[in-house]
N, C-alpha and C. Protein backbone atom coordinates (compact mmCIF):
# COMPACT_ATOMS: atom_id res chain seq x y z
N UNK A 1 42.96 38.79 -95.92
CA UNK A 1 42.08 39.05 -94.87
C UNK A 1 41.45 37.77 -94.32
N UNK A 2 41.26 36.86 -95.08
CA UNK A 2 40.74 35.61 -94.60
C UNK A 2 41.72 34.95 -93.66
N UNK A 3 42.97 35.10 -94.02
CA UNK A 3 43.98 34.49 -93.17
C UNK A 3 44.04 35.17 -91.82
N UNK A 4 43.99 36.48 -91.79
CA UNK A 4 44.05 37.24 -90.54
C UNK A 4 42.81 36.97 -89.69
N UNK A 5 41.68 36.84 -90.41
CA UNK A 5 40.43 36.58 -89.71
C UNK A 5 40.49 35.21 -89.05
N UNK A 6 41.00 34.23 -89.77
CA UNK A 6 41.09 32.87 -89.25
C UNK A 6 42.07 32.85 -88.09
N UNK A 7 43.19 33.59 -88.26
CA UNK A 7 44.19 33.60 -87.19
C UNK A 7 43.61 34.28 -85.95
N UNK A 8 42.85 35.34 -86.13
CA UNK A 8 42.25 36.02 -85.00
C UNK A 8 41.22 35.09 -84.32
N UNK A 9 40.48 34.39 -85.17
CA UNK A 9 39.49 33.47 -84.61
C UNK A 9 40.20 32.37 -83.87
N UNK A 10 41.28 31.88 -84.43
CA UNK A 10 42.03 30.81 -83.78
C UNK A 10 42.64 31.31 -82.48
N UNK A 11 43.13 32.55 -82.50
CA UNK A 11 43.71 33.11 -81.29
C UNK A 11 42.61 33.27 -80.24
N UNK A 12 41.43 33.73 -80.69
CA UNK A 12 40.30 33.86 -79.75
C UNK A 12 39.90 32.48 -79.22
N UNK A 13 39.84 31.51 -80.10
CA UNK A 13 39.47 30.16 -79.68
C UNK A 13 40.52 29.59 -78.73
N UNK A 14 41.82 29.85 -79.06
CA UNK A 14 42.90 29.37 -78.17
C UNK A 14 42.76 30.03 -76.80
N UNK A 15 42.45 31.33 -76.84
CA UNK A 15 42.28 32.05 -75.59
C UNK A 15 41.10 31.48 -74.80
N UNK A 16 40.02 31.21 -75.49
CA UNK A 16 38.85 30.62 -74.85
C UNK A 16 39.18 29.22 -74.34
N UNK A 17 39.98 28.49 -75.13
CA UNK A 17 40.39 27.13 -74.71
C UNK A 17 41.22 27.21 -73.45
N UNK A 18 42.16 28.17 -73.38
CA UNK A 18 43.01 28.33 -72.19
C UNK A 18 42.14 28.68 -70.99
N UNK A 19 41.16 29.60 -71.22
CA UNK A 19 40.27 29.98 -70.13
C UNK A 19 39.44 28.76 -69.67
N UNK A 20 39.01 27.97 -70.65
CA UNK A 20 38.23 26.79 -70.29
C UNK A 20 39.09 25.78 -69.55
N UNK A 21 40.37 25.65 -69.99
CA UNK A 21 41.27 24.73 -69.28
C UNK A 21 41.51 25.23 -67.87
N UNK A 22 41.73 26.56 -67.76
CA UNK A 22 41.94 27.13 -66.42
C UNK A 22 40.67 26.95 -65.57
N UNK A 23 39.51 27.22 -66.21
CA UNK A 23 38.23 27.02 -65.49
C UNK A 23 38.05 25.55 -65.12
N UNK A 24 38.42 24.63 -66.07
CA UNK A 24 38.33 23.19 -65.78
C UNK A 24 39.25 22.81 -64.64
N UNK A 25 40.48 23.38 -64.66
CA UNK A 25 41.44 23.10 -63.59
C UNK A 25 40.90 23.63 -62.26
N UNK A 26 40.35 24.86 -62.33
CA UNK A 26 39.77 25.45 -61.12
C UNK A 26 38.58 24.61 -60.64
N UNK A 27 37.76 24.16 -61.59
CA UNK A 27 36.63 23.31 -61.23
C UNK A 27 37.12 22.00 -60.65
N UNK A 28 38.20 21.44 -61.22
CA UNK A 28 38.78 20.20 -60.67
C UNK A 28 39.26 20.41 -59.25
N UNK A 29 39.96 21.55 -59.02
CA UNK A 29 40.41 21.85 -57.65
C UNK A 29 39.22 22.04 -56.72
N UNK A 30 38.24 22.77 -57.25
CA UNK A 30 37.03 23.00 -56.46
C UNK A 30 36.33 21.67 -56.16
N UNK A 31 36.30 20.78 -57.16
CA UNK A 31 35.68 19.45 -56.99
C UNK A 31 36.45 18.64 -55.97
N UNK A 32 37.79 18.69 -56.01
CA UNK A 32 38.61 17.97 -55.02
C UNK A 32 38.34 18.53 -53.62
N UNK A 33 38.25 19.86 -53.58
CA UNK A 33 37.96 20.49 -52.30
C UNK A 33 36.59 20.04 -51.76
N UNK A 34 35.58 19.98 -52.65
CA UNK A 34 34.25 19.51 -52.26
C UNK A 34 34.30 18.05 -51.82
N UNK A 35 35.08 17.22 -52.55
CA UNK A 35 35.21 15.80 -52.17
C UNK A 35 35.83 15.67 -50.79
N UNK A 36 36.85 16.52 -50.52
CA UNK A 36 37.49 16.49 -49.21
C UNK A 36 36.47 16.88 -48.13
N UNK A 37 35.66 17.91 -48.43
CA UNK A 37 34.63 18.31 -47.47
C UNK A 37 33.62 17.19 -47.27
N UNK A 38 33.26 16.51 -48.39
CA UNK A 38 32.30 15.40 -48.28
C UNK A 38 32.89 14.30 -47.42
N UNK A 39 34.18 14.00 -47.60
CA UNK A 39 34.83 12.99 -46.75
C UNK A 39 34.81 13.45 -45.29
N UNK A 40 35.04 14.75 -45.09
CA UNK A 40 34.97 15.30 -43.73
C UNK A 40 33.56 15.17 -43.18
N UNK A 41 32.57 15.43 -44.06
CA UNK A 41 31.18 15.28 -43.63
C UNK A 41 30.85 13.82 -43.34
N UNK A 42 31.43 12.91 -44.13
CA UNK A 42 31.21 11.48 -43.86
C UNK A 42 31.73 11.12 -42.48
N UNK A 43 32.89 11.66 -42.14
CA UNK A 43 33.46 11.41 -40.81
C UNK A 43 32.53 12.00 -39.75
N UNK A 44 32.08 13.23 -40.04
CA UNK A 44 31.17 13.88 -39.08
C UNK A 44 29.87 13.09 -38.99
N UNK A 45 29.34 12.64 -40.12
CA UNK A 45 28.11 11.84 -40.10
C UNK A 45 28.32 10.55 -39.33
N UNK A 46 29.46 9.91 -39.51
CA UNK A 46 29.76 8.68 -38.78
C UNK A 46 29.82 8.97 -37.28
N UNK A 47 30.47 10.11 -36.93
CA UNK A 47 30.54 10.48 -35.52
C UNK A 47 29.15 10.78 -34.97
N UNK A 48 28.31 11.44 -35.79
CA UNK A 48 26.94 11.72 -35.35
C UNK A 48 26.16 10.43 -35.13
N UNK A 49 26.37 9.46 -36.05
CA UNK A 49 25.71 8.16 -35.87
C UNK A 49 26.19 7.49 -34.59
N UNK A 50 27.49 7.57 -34.32
CA UNK A 50 28.04 7.00 -33.09
C UNK A 50 27.46 7.70 -31.86
N UNK A 51 27.34 9.05 -31.97
CA UNK A 51 26.77 9.80 -30.85
C UNK A 51 25.31 9.41 -30.65
N UNK A 52 24.58 9.25 -31.75
CA UNK A 52 23.17 8.85 -31.64
C UNK A 52 23.06 7.45 -31.03
N UNK A 53 23.93 6.55 -31.46
CA UNK A 53 23.93 5.18 -30.91
C UNK A 53 24.25 5.24 -29.41
N UNK A 54 25.28 6.04 -29.05
CA UNK A 54 25.65 6.18 -27.65
C UNK A 54 24.50 6.78 -26.85
N UNK A 55 23.83 7.79 -27.45
CA UNK A 55 22.70 8.43 -26.78
C UNK A 55 21.58 7.42 -26.55
N UNK A 56 21.27 6.61 -27.56
CA UNK A 56 20.23 5.58 -27.40
C UNK A 56 20.61 4.58 -26.33
N UNK A 57 21.88 4.15 -26.31
CA UNK A 57 22.34 3.20 -25.29
C UNK A 57 22.23 3.82 -23.90
N UNK A 58 22.60 5.11 -23.78
CA UNK A 58 22.50 5.78 -22.49
C UNK A 58 21.05 5.90 -22.05
N UNK A 59 20.16 6.23 -22.99
CA UNK A 59 18.74 6.34 -22.66
C UNK A 59 18.19 5.00 -22.18
N UNK A 60 18.58 3.91 -22.86
CA UNK A 60 18.12 2.59 -22.43
C UNK A 60 18.67 2.26 -21.05
N UNK A 61 19.96 2.58 -20.83
CA UNK A 61 20.56 2.32 -19.52
C UNK A 61 19.87 3.15 -18.44
N UNK A 62 19.58 4.42 -18.75
CA UNK A 62 18.88 5.28 -17.78
C UNK A 62 17.48 4.77 -17.51
N UNK A 63 16.77 4.35 -18.58
CA UNK A 63 15.43 3.80 -18.38
C UNK A 63 15.47 2.57 -17.48
N UNK A 64 16.42 1.70 -17.77
CA UNK A 64 16.54 0.47 -16.97
C UNK A 64 16.87 0.82 -15.52
N UNK A 65 17.82 1.75 -15.34
CA UNK A 65 18.20 2.17 -13.99
C UNK A 65 17.02 2.81 -13.28
N UNK A 66 16.27 3.67 -13.98
CA UNK A 66 15.09 4.31 -13.38
C UNK A 66 14.03 3.28 -13.02
N UNK A 67 13.83 2.29 -13.87
CA UNK A 67 12.85 1.24 -13.56
C UNK A 67 13.28 0.47 -12.32
N UNK A 68 14.58 0.16 -12.23
CA UNK A 68 15.08 -0.55 -11.04
C UNK A 68 14.89 0.29 -9.80
N UNK A 69 15.22 1.60 -9.90
CA UNK A 69 15.02 2.49 -8.74
C UNK A 69 13.55 2.60 -8.38
N UNK A 70 12.70 2.71 -9.40
CA UNK A 70 11.25 2.79 -9.17
C UNK A 70 10.75 1.55 -8.45
N UNK A 71 11.16 0.38 -8.95
CA UNK A 71 10.71 -0.87 -8.32
C UNK A 71 11.28 -1.00 -6.91
N UNK A 72 12.52 -0.55 -6.72
CA UNK A 72 13.10 -0.61 -5.38
C UNK A 72 12.33 0.30 -4.43
N UNK A 73 12.01 1.52 -4.88
CA UNK A 73 11.23 2.45 -4.05
C UNK A 73 9.83 1.90 -3.79
N UNK A 74 9.23 1.33 -4.84
CA UNK A 74 7.90 0.76 -4.70
C UNK A 74 7.91 -0.38 -3.68
N UNK A 75 8.92 -1.24 -3.76
CA UNK A 75 9.03 -2.34 -2.80
C UNK A 75 9.27 -1.82 -1.39
N UNK A 76 10.10 -0.76 -1.28
CA UNK A 76 10.35 -0.18 0.05
C UNK A 76 9.06 0.39 0.64
N UNK A 77 8.29 1.09 -0.18
CA UNK A 77 7.02 1.65 0.28
C UNK A 77 6.06 0.53 0.67
N UNK A 78 6.01 -0.53 -0.16
CA UNK A 78 5.15 -1.67 0.14
C UNK A 78 5.56 -2.31 1.47
N UNK A 79 6.87 -2.47 1.67
CA UNK A 79 7.35 -3.07 2.92
C UNK A 79 6.99 -2.19 4.12
N UNK A 80 7.14 -0.86 3.97
CA UNK A 80 6.79 0.04 5.07
C UNK A 80 5.29 -0.02 5.36
N UNK A 81 4.48 -0.02 4.31
CA UNK A 81 3.03 -0.12 4.50
C UNK A 81 2.67 -1.44 5.17
N UNK A 82 3.31 -2.52 4.73
CA UNK A 82 3.04 -3.83 5.31
C UNK A 82 3.40 -3.82 6.80
N UNK A 83 4.54 -3.20 7.11
CA UNK A 83 4.97 -3.13 8.51
C UNK A 83 3.99 -2.29 9.33
N UNK A 84 3.53 -1.17 8.75
CA UNK A 84 2.57 -0.32 9.46
C UNK A 84 1.26 -1.07 9.68
N UNK A 85 0.81 -1.80 8.68
CA UNK A 85 -0.42 -2.58 8.82
C UNK A 85 -0.24 -3.65 9.88
N UNK A 86 0.94 -4.32 9.87
CA UNK A 86 1.20 -5.36 10.86
C UNK A 86 1.19 -4.78 12.28
N UNK A 87 1.84 -3.63 12.45
CA UNK A 87 1.88 -3.00 13.77
C UNK A 87 0.47 -2.60 14.20
N UNK A 88 -0.27 -2.02 13.26
CA UNK A 88 -1.64 -1.62 13.57
C UNK A 88 -2.49 -2.83 13.95
N UNK A 89 -2.34 -3.91 13.17
CA UNK A 89 -3.10 -5.12 13.47
C UNK A 89 -2.71 -5.69 14.83
N UNK A 90 -1.40 -5.68 15.14
CA UNK A 90 -0.97 -6.20 16.44
C UNK A 90 -1.59 -5.38 17.57
N UNK A 91 -1.62 -4.05 17.41
CA UNK A 91 -2.20 -3.19 18.43
C UNK A 91 -3.70 -3.49 18.57
N UNK A 92 -4.38 -3.60 17.43
CA UNK A 92 -5.82 -3.88 17.47
C UNK A 92 -6.08 -5.25 18.10
N UNK A 93 -5.27 -6.24 17.72
CA UNK A 93 -5.43 -7.59 18.29
C UNK A 93 -5.20 -7.54 19.80
N UNK A 94 -4.19 -6.77 20.22
CA UNK A 94 -3.91 -6.64 21.66
C UNK A 94 -5.12 -6.01 22.37
N UNK A 95 -5.68 -4.94 21.74
CA UNK A 95 -6.87 -4.31 22.33
C UNK A 95 -8.05 -5.28 22.39
N UNK A 96 -8.24 -6.02 21.31
CA UNK A 96 -9.35 -6.98 21.27
C UNK A 96 -9.14 -8.06 22.33
N UNK A 97 -7.91 -8.55 22.45
CA UNK A 97 -7.63 -9.57 23.47
C UNK A 97 -7.87 -9.01 24.87
N UNK A 98 -7.50 -7.73 25.07
CA UNK A 98 -7.75 -7.10 26.37
C UNK A 98 -9.26 -7.00 26.63
N UNK A 99 -10.01 -6.60 25.60
CA UNK A 99 -11.47 -6.53 25.74
C UNK A 99 -12.06 -7.91 26.02
N UNK A 100 -11.57 -8.92 25.31
CA UNK A 100 -12.05 -10.30 25.53
C UNK A 100 -11.73 -10.74 26.96
N UNK A 101 -10.53 -10.39 27.42
CA UNK A 101 -10.15 -10.74 28.79
C UNK A 101 -11.09 -10.07 29.79
N UNK A 102 -11.40 -8.79 29.56
CA UNK A 102 -12.32 -8.08 30.46
C UNK A 102 -13.71 -8.70 30.41
N UNK A 103 -14.16 -9.05 29.22
CA UNK A 103 -15.47 -9.69 29.09
C UNK A 103 -15.47 -11.03 29.81
N UNK A 104 -14.38 -11.79 29.65
CA UNK A 104 -14.30 -13.08 30.35
C UNK A 104 -14.31 -12.89 31.85
N UNK A 105 -13.64 -11.83 32.33
CA UNK A 105 -13.67 -11.55 33.77
C UNK A 105 -15.10 -11.23 34.21
N UNK A 106 -15.80 -10.46 33.37
CA UNK A 106 -17.19 -10.14 33.71
C UNK A 106 -18.05 -11.40 33.69
N UNK A 107 -17.82 -12.28 32.72
CA UNK A 107 -18.56 -13.54 32.68
C UNK A 107 -18.22 -14.39 33.90
N UNK A 108 -16.93 -14.37 34.29
CA UNK A 108 -16.54 -15.12 35.49
C UNK A 108 -17.27 -14.55 36.71
N UNK A 109 -17.35 -13.21 36.77
CA UNK A 109 -18.06 -12.59 37.88
C UNK A 109 -19.53 -12.99 37.85
N UNK A 110 -20.13 -12.95 36.66
CA UNK A 110 -21.54 -13.33 36.52
C UNK A 110 -21.72 -14.79 36.92
N UNK A 111 -20.78 -15.65 36.47
CA UNK A 111 -20.87 -17.07 36.85
C UNK A 111 -20.78 -17.24 38.36
N UNK A 112 -19.83 -16.52 38.97
CA UNK A 112 -19.69 -16.62 40.43
C UNK A 112 -20.95 -16.08 41.12
N UNK A 113 -21.47 -14.97 40.61
CA UNK A 113 -22.67 -14.39 41.19
C UNK A 113 -23.84 -15.35 41.03
N UNK A 114 -23.95 -15.99 39.85
CA UNK A 114 -25.02 -16.97 39.62
C UNK A 114 -24.89 -18.13 40.60
N UNK A 115 -23.67 -18.61 40.79
CA UNK A 115 -23.46 -19.71 41.74
C UNK A 115 -23.83 -19.27 43.14
N UNK A 116 -23.45 -18.03 43.48
CA UNK A 116 -23.79 -17.52 44.80
C UNK A 116 -25.30 -17.43 44.97
N UNK A 117 -26.01 -16.93 43.94
CA UNK A 117 -27.47 -16.84 44.01
C UNK A 117 -28.07 -18.23 44.12
N UNK A 118 -27.54 -19.19 43.37
CA UNK A 118 -28.04 -20.56 43.44
C UNK A 118 -27.85 -21.13 44.85
N UNK A 119 -26.69 -20.82 45.45
CA UNK A 119 -26.46 -21.28 46.83
C UNK A 119 -27.44 -20.63 47.79
N UNK A 120 -27.69 -19.32 47.56
CA UNK A 120 -28.67 -18.64 48.43
C UNK A 120 -30.06 -19.22 48.27
N UNK A 121 -30.42 -19.54 47.02
CA UNK A 121 -31.74 -20.15 46.78
C UNK A 121 -31.81 -21.50 47.48
N UNK A 122 -30.75 -22.26 47.39
CA UNK A 122 -30.72 -23.58 48.04
C UNK A 122 -30.85 -23.42 49.57
N UNK A 123 -30.08 -22.44 50.10
CA UNK A 123 -30.16 -22.19 51.54
C UNK A 123 -31.57 -21.72 51.92
N UNK A 124 -32.13 -20.84 51.08
CA UNK A 124 -33.46 -20.32 51.34
C UNK A 124 -34.49 -21.45 51.32
N UNK A 125 -34.36 -22.38 50.35
CA UNK A 125 -35.29 -23.52 50.29
C UNK A 125 -35.14 -24.38 51.54
N UNK A 126 -33.90 -24.59 51.97
CA UNK A 126 -33.70 -25.40 53.19
C UNK A 126 -34.32 -24.71 54.40
N UNK A 127 -34.12 -23.40 54.47
CA UNK A 127 -34.71 -22.66 55.60
C UNK A 127 -36.24 -22.72 55.53
N UNK A 128 -36.78 -22.66 54.28
CA UNK A 128 -38.22 -22.74 54.13
C UNK A 128 -38.73 -24.09 54.63
N UNK A 129 -38.05 -25.18 54.20
CA UNK A 129 -38.45 -26.51 54.69
C UNK A 129 -38.29 -26.59 56.20
N UNK A 130 -37.20 -26.03 56.70
CA UNK A 130 -36.98 -26.06 58.14
C UNK A 130 -38.09 -25.31 58.88
N UNK A 131 -38.45 -24.11 58.36
CA UNK A 131 -39.50 -23.32 59.02
C UNK A 131 -40.85 -24.04 58.96
N UNK A 132 -41.14 -24.69 57.80
CA UNK A 132 -42.40 -25.43 57.71
C UNK A 132 -42.42 -26.58 58.71
N UNK A 133 -41.29 -27.27 58.78
CA UNK A 133 -41.22 -28.39 59.73
C UNK A 133 -41.35 -27.88 61.17
N UNK A 134 -40.70 -26.74 61.46
CA UNK A 134 -40.78 -26.16 62.79
C UNK A 134 -42.21 -25.75 63.12
N UNK A 135 -42.89 -25.16 62.13
CA UNK A 135 -44.27 -24.73 62.35
C UNK A 135 -45.18 -25.94 62.56
N UNK A 136 -44.93 -27.01 61.83
CA UNK A 136 -45.74 -28.22 62.04
C UNK A 136 -45.53 -28.73 63.46
N UNK A 137 -44.30 -28.69 63.92
CA UNK A 137 -44.02 -29.15 65.27
C UNK A 137 -44.71 -28.25 66.31
N UNK A 138 -44.69 -26.94 66.04
CA UNK A 138 -45.34 -26.01 66.97
C UNK A 138 -46.86 -26.22 66.99
N UNK A 139 -47.41 -26.57 65.80
CA UNK A 139 -48.84 -26.83 65.74
C UNK A 139 -49.12 -28.14 66.50
N UNK A 140 -48.27 -29.16 66.31
CA UNK A 140 -48.49 -30.45 66.99
C UNK A 140 -48.43 -30.27 68.51
N UNK A 141 -47.56 -29.41 68.96
CA UNK A 141 -47.44 -29.24 70.41
C UNK A 141 -48.43 -28.20 70.92
N UNK A 142 -49.29 -27.74 70.09
CA UNK A 142 -50.35 -26.79 70.41
C UNK A 142 -49.80 -25.46 70.94
N UNK A 143 -48.66 -25.06 70.43
CA UNK A 143 -48.12 -23.76 70.81
C UNK A 143 -48.78 -22.70 69.92
N UNK A 144 -48.94 -23.01 68.63
CA UNK A 144 -49.63 -22.14 67.68
C UNK A 144 -50.69 -22.94 66.98
N UNK A 145 -51.72 -22.23 66.49
CA UNK A 145 -52.74 -22.89 65.68
C UNK A 145 -52.40 -22.66 64.21
N UNK A 146 -53.07 -23.44 63.35
CA UNK A 146 -52.84 -23.28 61.89
C UNK A 146 -53.20 -21.86 61.46
N UNK A 147 -54.21 -21.32 62.06
CA UNK A 147 -54.65 -19.99 61.71
C UNK A 147 -53.59 -18.96 62.10
N UNK A 148 -52.99 -19.07 63.22
CA UNK A 148 -51.95 -18.13 63.65
C UNK A 148 -50.72 -18.24 62.74
N UNK A 149 -50.37 -19.43 62.37
CA UNK A 149 -49.21 -19.65 61.49
C UNK A 149 -49.49 -19.03 60.13
N UNK A 150 -50.72 -19.21 59.60
CA UNK A 150 -51.06 -18.61 58.31
C UNK A 150 -51.03 -17.07 58.41
N UNK A 151 -51.42 -16.54 59.54
CA UNK A 151 -51.38 -15.09 59.73
C UNK A 151 -49.93 -14.61 59.79
N UNK A 152 -49.05 -15.32 60.45
CA UNK A 152 -47.62 -14.96 60.52
C UNK A 152 -47.02 -14.97 59.10
N UNK A 153 -47.38 -15.99 58.32
CA UNK A 153 -46.86 -16.11 56.94
C UNK A 153 -47.37 -14.96 56.09
N UNK A 154 -48.65 -14.63 56.20
CA UNK A 154 -49.22 -13.52 55.44
C UNK A 154 -48.55 -12.19 55.79
N UNK A 155 -48.35 -11.94 57.10
CA UNK A 155 -47.71 -10.70 57.54
C UNK A 155 -46.26 -10.62 57.02
N UNK A 156 -45.56 -11.73 57.04
CA UNK A 156 -44.17 -11.77 56.56
C UNK A 156 -44.12 -11.50 55.06
N UNK A 157 -45.04 -12.11 54.32
CA UNK A 157 -45.07 -11.89 52.87
C UNK A 157 -45.37 -10.44 52.55
N UNK A 158 -46.26 -9.81 53.32
CA UNK A 158 -46.60 -8.41 53.09
C UNK A 158 -45.38 -7.52 53.32
N UNK A 159 -44.61 -7.81 54.37
CA UNK A 159 -43.42 -7.01 54.67
C UNK A 159 -42.41 -7.10 53.53
N UNK A 160 -42.19 -8.31 53.00
CA UNK A 160 -41.18 -8.49 51.94
C UNK A 160 -41.66 -7.97 50.59
N UNK A 161 -42.95 -7.95 50.38
CA UNK A 161 -43.46 -7.39 49.12
C UNK A 161 -43.32 -5.89 49.11
N UNK A 162 -43.40 -5.24 50.28
CA UNK A 162 -43.24 -3.79 50.36
C UNK A 162 -41.81 -3.41 50.04
N UNK A 163 -40.88 -4.21 50.41
CA UNK A 163 -39.47 -3.91 50.20
C UNK A 163 -39.14 -4.14 48.76
């Protein structure tokens, strides 16, 4: 019985050993399969890194392109504003020059009017001297007396003061 027991145990152990070998072989195949998947994942991870690198490069290129477009648009707007300001200033300067020209014309008119008034004053003074000289002559020739001349002057002054 000891022999049969040992043989049965050995047969059981051999059977367990075969199962373990089969399980080990299956585990080895499973491990190879996992390694192949890991290699596949490494390839996928490498591709993902390449995609991420490409994405970052594209983002930088887009940022740079957007900055260039932004600055170009900003410069275009600045140029348009500058042109609008220049046109507005030219119009205002033209208006101011026109106003200055009109003012100068008015000053020219005032200057001419002043000269005309000065000429009239000069003529009036000459006529005054002439009238005084004429009155002196009339007094000398006894045509009028000093009193009559003073009365004529007073009456004339009264008429012009009323006007």
